């Protein structure tokens, strides 16, 4: 969420260092919860740029 007076994000990335069997229940993620407005703004820009290229 990126608002005029507040910001928050739950960001996740799938871990590639562990062997997985392909089942969704076996997937592992690194996660971060942040209120860092600059970090969230960067993440939002990256996600939007990926959507625009499709």
PDB file of N, CA and C in Angstrom:
ATOM      1  N   UNK A   1       0.847  -1.136   0.000  1.00  0.00           N
ATOM      2  CA  UNK A   1       0.000   0.000   0.000  1.00  0.00           C
ATOM      3  C   UNK A   1       0.907   1.216   0.000  1.00  0.00           C
ATOM      4  N   UNK A   2       0.639   2.138  -0.901  1.00  0.00           N
ATOM      5  CA  UNK A   2       1.427   3.361  -0.984  1.00  0.00           C
ATOM      6  C   UNK A   2       0.452   4.517  -1.073  1.00  0.00           C
ATOM      7  N   UNK A   3       0.243   5.170   0.053  1.00  0.00           N
ATOM      8  CA  UNK A   3      -0.693   6.266   0.110  1.00  0.00           C
ATOM      9  C   UNK A   3       0.011   7.593   0.353  1.00  0.00           C
ATOM     10  N   UNK A   4      -0.773   8.643   0.454  1.00  0.00           N
ATOM     11  CA  UNK A   4      -0.220   9.984   0.649  1.00  0.00           C
ATOM     12  C   UNK A   4       0.474  10.116   1.997  1.00  0.00           C
ATOM     13  N   UNK A   5      -0.042   9.447   3.017  1.00  0.00           N
ATOM     14  CA  UNK A   5       0.531   9.602   4.362  1.00  0.00           C
ATOM     15  C   UNK A   5       0.990   8.299   4.991  1.00  0.00           C
ATOM     16  N   UNK A   6       0.787   7.187   4.311  1.00  0.00           N
ATOM     17  CA  UNK A   6       1.172   5.892   4.883  1.00  0.00           C
ATOM     18  C   UNK A   6       1.678   4.968   3.784  1.00  0.00           C
ATOM     19  N   UNK A   7       2.552   4.051   4.181  1.00  0.00           N
ATOM     20  CA  UNK A   7       3.049   3.060   3.224  1.00  0.00           C
ATOM     21  C   UNK A   7       3.365   1.766   3.973  1.00  0.00           C
ATOM     22  N   UNK A   8       3.110   0.655   3.312  1.00  0.00           N
ATOM     23  CA  UNK A   8       3.412  -0.659   3.882  1.00  0.00           C
ATOM     24  C   UNK A   8       3.474  -1.670   2.744  1.00  0.00           C
ATOM     25  N   UNK A   9       4.349  -2.665   2.911  1.00  0.00           N
ATOM     26  CA  UNK A   9       4.451  -3.699   1.885  1.00  0.00           C
ATOM     27  C   UNK A   9       4.903  -5.008   2.508  1.00  0.00           C
ATOM     28  N   UNK A  10       4.354  -6.081   1.998  1.00  0.00           N
ATOM     29  CA  UNK A  10       4.815  -7.430   2.297  1.00  0.00           C
ATOM     30  C   UNK A  10       5.413  -7.933   0.988  1.00  0.00           C
ATOM     31  N   UNK A  11       6.724  -8.119   0.979  1.00  0.00           N
ATOM     32  CA  UNK A  11       7.439  -8.485  -0.236  1.00  0.00           C
ATOM     33  C   UNK A  11       7.994  -9.889  -0.056  1.00  0.00           C
ATOM     34  N   UNK A  12       7.824 -10.728  -1.085  1.00  0.00           N
ATOM     35  CA  UNK A  12       8.296 -12.111  -0.999  1.00  0.00           C
ATOM     36  C   UNK A  12       9.058 -12.487  -2.257  1.00  0.00           C
ATOM     37  N   UNK A  13      10.038 -13.360  -2.072  1.00  0.00           N
ATOM     38  CA  UNK A  13      10.815 -13.886  -3.191  1.00  0.00           C
ATOM     39  C   UNK A  13      10.996 -15.374  -2.962  1.00  0.00           C
ATOM     40  N   UNK A  14      10.723 -16.152  -3.992  1.00  0.00           N
ATOM     41  CA  UNK A  14      10.880 -17.604  -3.871  1.00  0.00           C
ATOM     42  C   UNK A  14      12.354 -17.963  -3.728  1.00  0.00           C
ATOM     43  N   UNK A  15      12.631 -18.858  -2.799  1.00  0.00           N
ATOM     44  CA  UNK A  15      14.012 -19.316  -2.590  1.00  0.00           C
ATOM     45  C   UNK A  15      14.370 -20.329  -3.658  1.00  0.00           C
ATOM     46  N   UNK A  16      15.524 -20.159  -4.245  1.00  0.00           N
ATOM     47  CA  UNK A  16      15.989 -21.063  -5.303  1.00  0.00           C
ATOM     48  C   UNK A  16      17.054 -22.021  -4.798  1.00  0.00           C
ATOM     49  N   UNK A  17      17.480 -21.879  -3.553  1.00  0.00           N
ATOM     50  CA  UNK A  17      18.584 -22.681  -3.035  1.00  0.00           C
ATOM     51  C   UNK A  17      18.175 -24.049  -2.521  1.00  0.00           C
ATOM     52  N   UNK A  18      16.883 -24.335  -2.524  1.00  0.00           N
ATOM     53  CA  UNK A  18      16.410 -25.617  -2.015  1.00  0.00           C
ATOM     54  C   UNK A  18      15.747 -26.396  -3.139  1.00  0.00           C
ATOM     55  N   UNK A  19      15.993 -27.691  -3.177  1.00  0.00           N
ATOM     56  CA  UNK A  19      15.338 -28.542  -4.170  1.00  0.00           C
ATOM     57  C   UNK A  19      13.857 -28.649  -3.818  1.00  0.00           C
ATOM     58  N   UNK A  20      13.021 -28.515  -4.820  1.00  0.00           N
ATOM     59  CA  UNK A  20      11.576 -28.640  -4.594  1.00  0.00           C
ATOM     60  C   UNK A  20      11.026 -29.723  -5.513  1.00  0.00           C
ATOM     61  N   UNK A  21       9.961 -30.324  -5.061  1.00  0.00           N
ATOM     62  CA  UNK A  21       9.344 -31.381  -5.862  1.00  0.00           C
ATOM     63  C   UNK A  21       8.330 -30.809  -6.846  1.00  0.00           C
ATOM     64  N   UNK A  22       8.105 -29.501  -6.800  1.00  0.00           N
ATOM     65  CA  UNK A  22       7.159 -28.894  -7.715  1.00  0.00           C
ATOM     66  C   UNK A  22       5.790 -28.659  -7.105  1.00  0.00           C
ATOM     67  N   UNK A  23       5.506 -29.313  -6.003  1.00  0.00           N
ATOM     68  CA  UNK A  23       4.209 -29.102  -5.357  1.00  0.00           C
ATOM     69  C   UNK A  23       4.204 -27.746  -4.652  1.00  0.00           C
ATOM     70  N   UNK A  24       3.095 -27.024  -4.731  1.00  0.00           N
ATOM     71  CA  UNK A  24       3.018 -25.694  -4.120  1.00  0.00           C
ATOM     72  C   UNK A  24       3.300 -25.721  -2.628  1.00  0.00           C
ATOM     73  N   UNK A  25       2.929 -26.773  -1.954  1.00  0.00           N
ATOM     74  CA  UNK A  25       3.158 -26.862  -0.519  1.00  0.00           C
ATOM     75  C   UNK A  25       4.623 -26.977  -0.147  1.00  0.00           C
ATOM     76  N   UNK A  26       5.475 -27.309  -1.111  1.00  0.00           N
ATOM     77  CA  UNK A  26       6.898 -27.470  -0.854  1.00  0.00           C
ATOM     78  C   UNK A  26       7.715 -26.224  -1.154  1.00  0.00           C
ATOM     79  N   UNK A  27       7.092 -25.179  -1.663  1.00  0.00           N
ATOM     80  CA  UNK A  27       7.824 -23.969  -2.034  1.00  0.00           C
ATOM     81  C   UNK A  27       8.209 -23.174  -0.796  1.00  0.00           C
ATOM     82  N   UNK A  28       9.382 -22.526  -0.825  1.00  0.00           N
ATOM     83  CA  UNK A  28       9.885 -21.726   0.284  1.00  0.00           C
ATOM     84  C   UNK A  28      10.122 -20.299  -0.206  1.00  0.00           C
ATOM     85  N   UNK A  29       9.879 -19.331   0.680  1.00  0.00           N
ATOM     86  CA  UNK A  29      10.014 -17.920   0.323  1.00  0.00           C
ATOM     87  C   UNK A  29      10.782 -17.169   1.395  1.00  0.00           C
ATOM     88  N   UNK A  30      11.532 -16.160   0.960  1.00  0.00           N
ATOM     89  CA  UNK A  30      12.085 -15.152   1.862  1.00  0.00           C
ATOM     90  C   UNK A  30      11.086 -14.003   1.838  1.00  0.00           C
ATOM     91  N   UNK A  31      10.732 -13.475   2.998  1.00  0.00           N
ATOM     92  CA  UNK A  31       9.739 -12.404   3.060  1.00  0.00           C
ATOM     93  C   UNK A  31      10.254 -11.231   3.887  1.00  0.00           C
ATOM     94  N   UNK A  32       9.694 -10.057   3.593  1.00  0.00           N
ATOM     95  CA  UNK A  32      10.020  -8.851   4.359  1.00  0.00           C
ATOM     96  C   UNK A  32       8.757  -8.016   4.485  1.00  0.00           C
ATOM     97  N   UNK A  33       8.539  -7.490   5.660  1.00  0.00           N
ATOM     98  CA  UNK A  33       7.446  -6.562   5.921  1.00  0.00           C
ATOM     99  C   UNK A  33       8.100  -5.219   6.202  1.00  0.00           C
ATOM    100  N   UNK A  34       7.701  -4.181   5.468  1.00  0.00           N
ATOM    101  CA  UNK A  34       8.373  -2.898   5.607  1.00  0.00           C
ATOM    102  C   UNK A  34       7.410  -1.724   5.542  1.00  0.00           C
ATOM    103  N   UNK A  35       7.828  -0.632   6.166  1.00  0.00           N
ATOM    104  CA  UNK A  35       7.142   0.649   6.071  1.00  0.00           C
ATOM    105  C   UNK A  35       8.068   1.705   5.469  1.00  0.00           C
ATOM    106  N   UNK A  36       9.190   1.251   4.909  1.00  0.00           N
ATOM    107  CA  UNK A  36      10.176   2.137   4.296  1.00  0.00           C
ATOM    108  C   UNK A  36       9.626   2.656   2.962  1.00  0.00           C
ATOM    109  N   UNK A  37       9.230   3.930   2.950  1.00  0.00           N
ATOM    110  CA  UNK A  37       8.566   4.513   1.795  1.00  0.00           C
ATOM    111  C   UNK A  37       9.435   4.452   0.528  1.00  0.00           C
ATOM    112  N   UNK A  38      10.726   4.713   0.656  1.00  0.00           N
ATOM    113  CA  UNK A  38      11.614   4.683  -0.512  1.00  0.00           C
ATOM    114  C   UNK A  38      11.711   3.271  -1.085  1.00  0.00           C
ATOM    115  N   UNK A  39      11.835   2.279  -0.235  1.00  0.00           N
ATOM    116  CA  UNK A  39      11.903   0.890  -0.679  1.00  0.00           C
ATOM    117  C   UNK A  39      10.599   0.476  -1.362  1.00  0.00           C
ATOM    118  N   UNK A  40       9.496   0.845  -0.784  1.00  0.00           N
ATOM    119  CA  UNK A  40       8.186   0.492  -1.351  1.00  0.00           C
ATOM    120  C   UNK A  40       7.993   1.175  -2.701  1.00  0.00           C
ATOM    121  N   UNK A  41       8.380   2.441  -2.805  1.00  0.00           N
ATOM    122  CA  UNK A  41       8.259   3.166  -4.072  1.00  0.00           C
ATOM    123  C   UNK A  41       9.085   2.490  -5.157  1.00  0.00           C
ATOM    124  N   UNK A  42      10.293   2.053  -4.819  1.00  0.00           N
ATOM    125  CA  UNK A  42      11.137   1.339  -5.777  1.00  0.00           C
ATOM    126  C   UNK A  42      10.478   0.037  -6.212  1.00  0.00           C
ATOM    127  N   UNK A  43       9.948  -0.718  -5.255  1.00  0.00           N
ATOM    128  CA  UNK A  43       9.280  -1.989  -5.568  1.00  0.00           C
ATOM    129  C   UNK A  43       8.064  -1.770  -6.467  1.00  0.00           C
ATOM    130  N   UNK A  44       7.281  -0.751  -6.186  1.00  0.00           N
ATOM    131  CA  UNK A  44       6.093  -0.444  -6.989  1.00  0.00           C
ATOM    132  C   UNK A  44       6.499  -0.081  -8.413  1.00  0.00           C
ATOM    133  N   UNK A  45       7.537   0.715  -8.562  1.00  0.00           N
ATOM    134  CA  UNK A  45       8.001   1.103  -9.902  1.00  0.00           C
ATOM    135  C   UNK A  45       8.470  -0.114 -10.693  1.00  0.00           C
ATOM    136  N   UNK A  46       9.183  -1.013 -10.047  1.00  0.00           N
ATOM    137  CA  UNK A  46       9.647  -2.229 -10.723  1.00  0.00           C
ATOM    138  C   UNK A  46       8.453  -3.073 -11.171  1.00  0.00           C
ATOM    139  N   UNK A  47       7.489  -3.264 -10.287  1.00  0.00           N
ATOM    140  CA  UNK A  47       6.310  -4.069 -10.637  1.00  0.00           C
ATOM    141  C   UNK A  47       5.511  -3.428 -11.769  1.00  0.00           C
ATOM    142  N   UNK A  48       5.335  -2.119 -11.723  1.00  0.00           N
ATOM    143  CA  UNK A  48       4.586  -1.438 -12.784  1.00  0.00           C
ATOM    144  C   UNK A  48       5.322  -1.512 -14.116  1.00  0.00           C
ATOM    145  N   UNK A  49       6.639  -1.407 -14.107  1.00  0.00           N
ATOM    146  CA  UNK A  49       7.389  -1.484 -15.359  1.00  0.00           C
ATOM    147  C   UNK A  49       7.253  -2.877 -15.981  1.00  0.00           C
ATOM    148  N   UNK A  50       7.168  -3.910 -15.153  1.00  0.00           N
ATOM    149  CA  UNK A  50       6.974  -5.267 -15.676  1.00  0.00           C
ATOM    150  C   UNK A  50       5.588  -5.420 -16.287  1.00  0.00           C
ATOM    151  N   UNK A  51       4.604  -4.786 -15.716  1.00  0.00           N
ATOM    152  CA  UNK A  51       3.242  -4.869 -16.239  1.00  0.00           C
ATOM    153  C   UNK A  51       3.126  -4.118 -17.568  1.00  0.00           C
ATOM    154  N   UNK A  52       3.803  -3.007 -17.700  1.00  0.00           N
ATOM    155  CA  UNK A  52       3.730  -2.203 -18.912  1.00  0.00           C
ATOM    156  C   UNK A  52       4.372  -2.903 -20.102  1.00  0.00           C
ATOM    157  N   UNK A  53       5.371  -3.729 -19.856  1.00  0.00           N
ATOM    158  CA  UNK A  53       6.078  -4.396 -20.948  1.00  0.00           C
ATOM    159  C   UNK A  53       5.282  -5.560 -21.550  1.00  0.00           C
ATOM    160  N   UNK A  54       4.255  -6.002 -20.850  1.00  0.00           N
ATOM    161  CA  UNK A  54       3.427  -7.117 -21.355  1.00  0.00           C
ATOM    162  C   UNK A  54       2.458  -6.617 -22.330  1.00  0.00           C
TER     163      UNK A  54
END
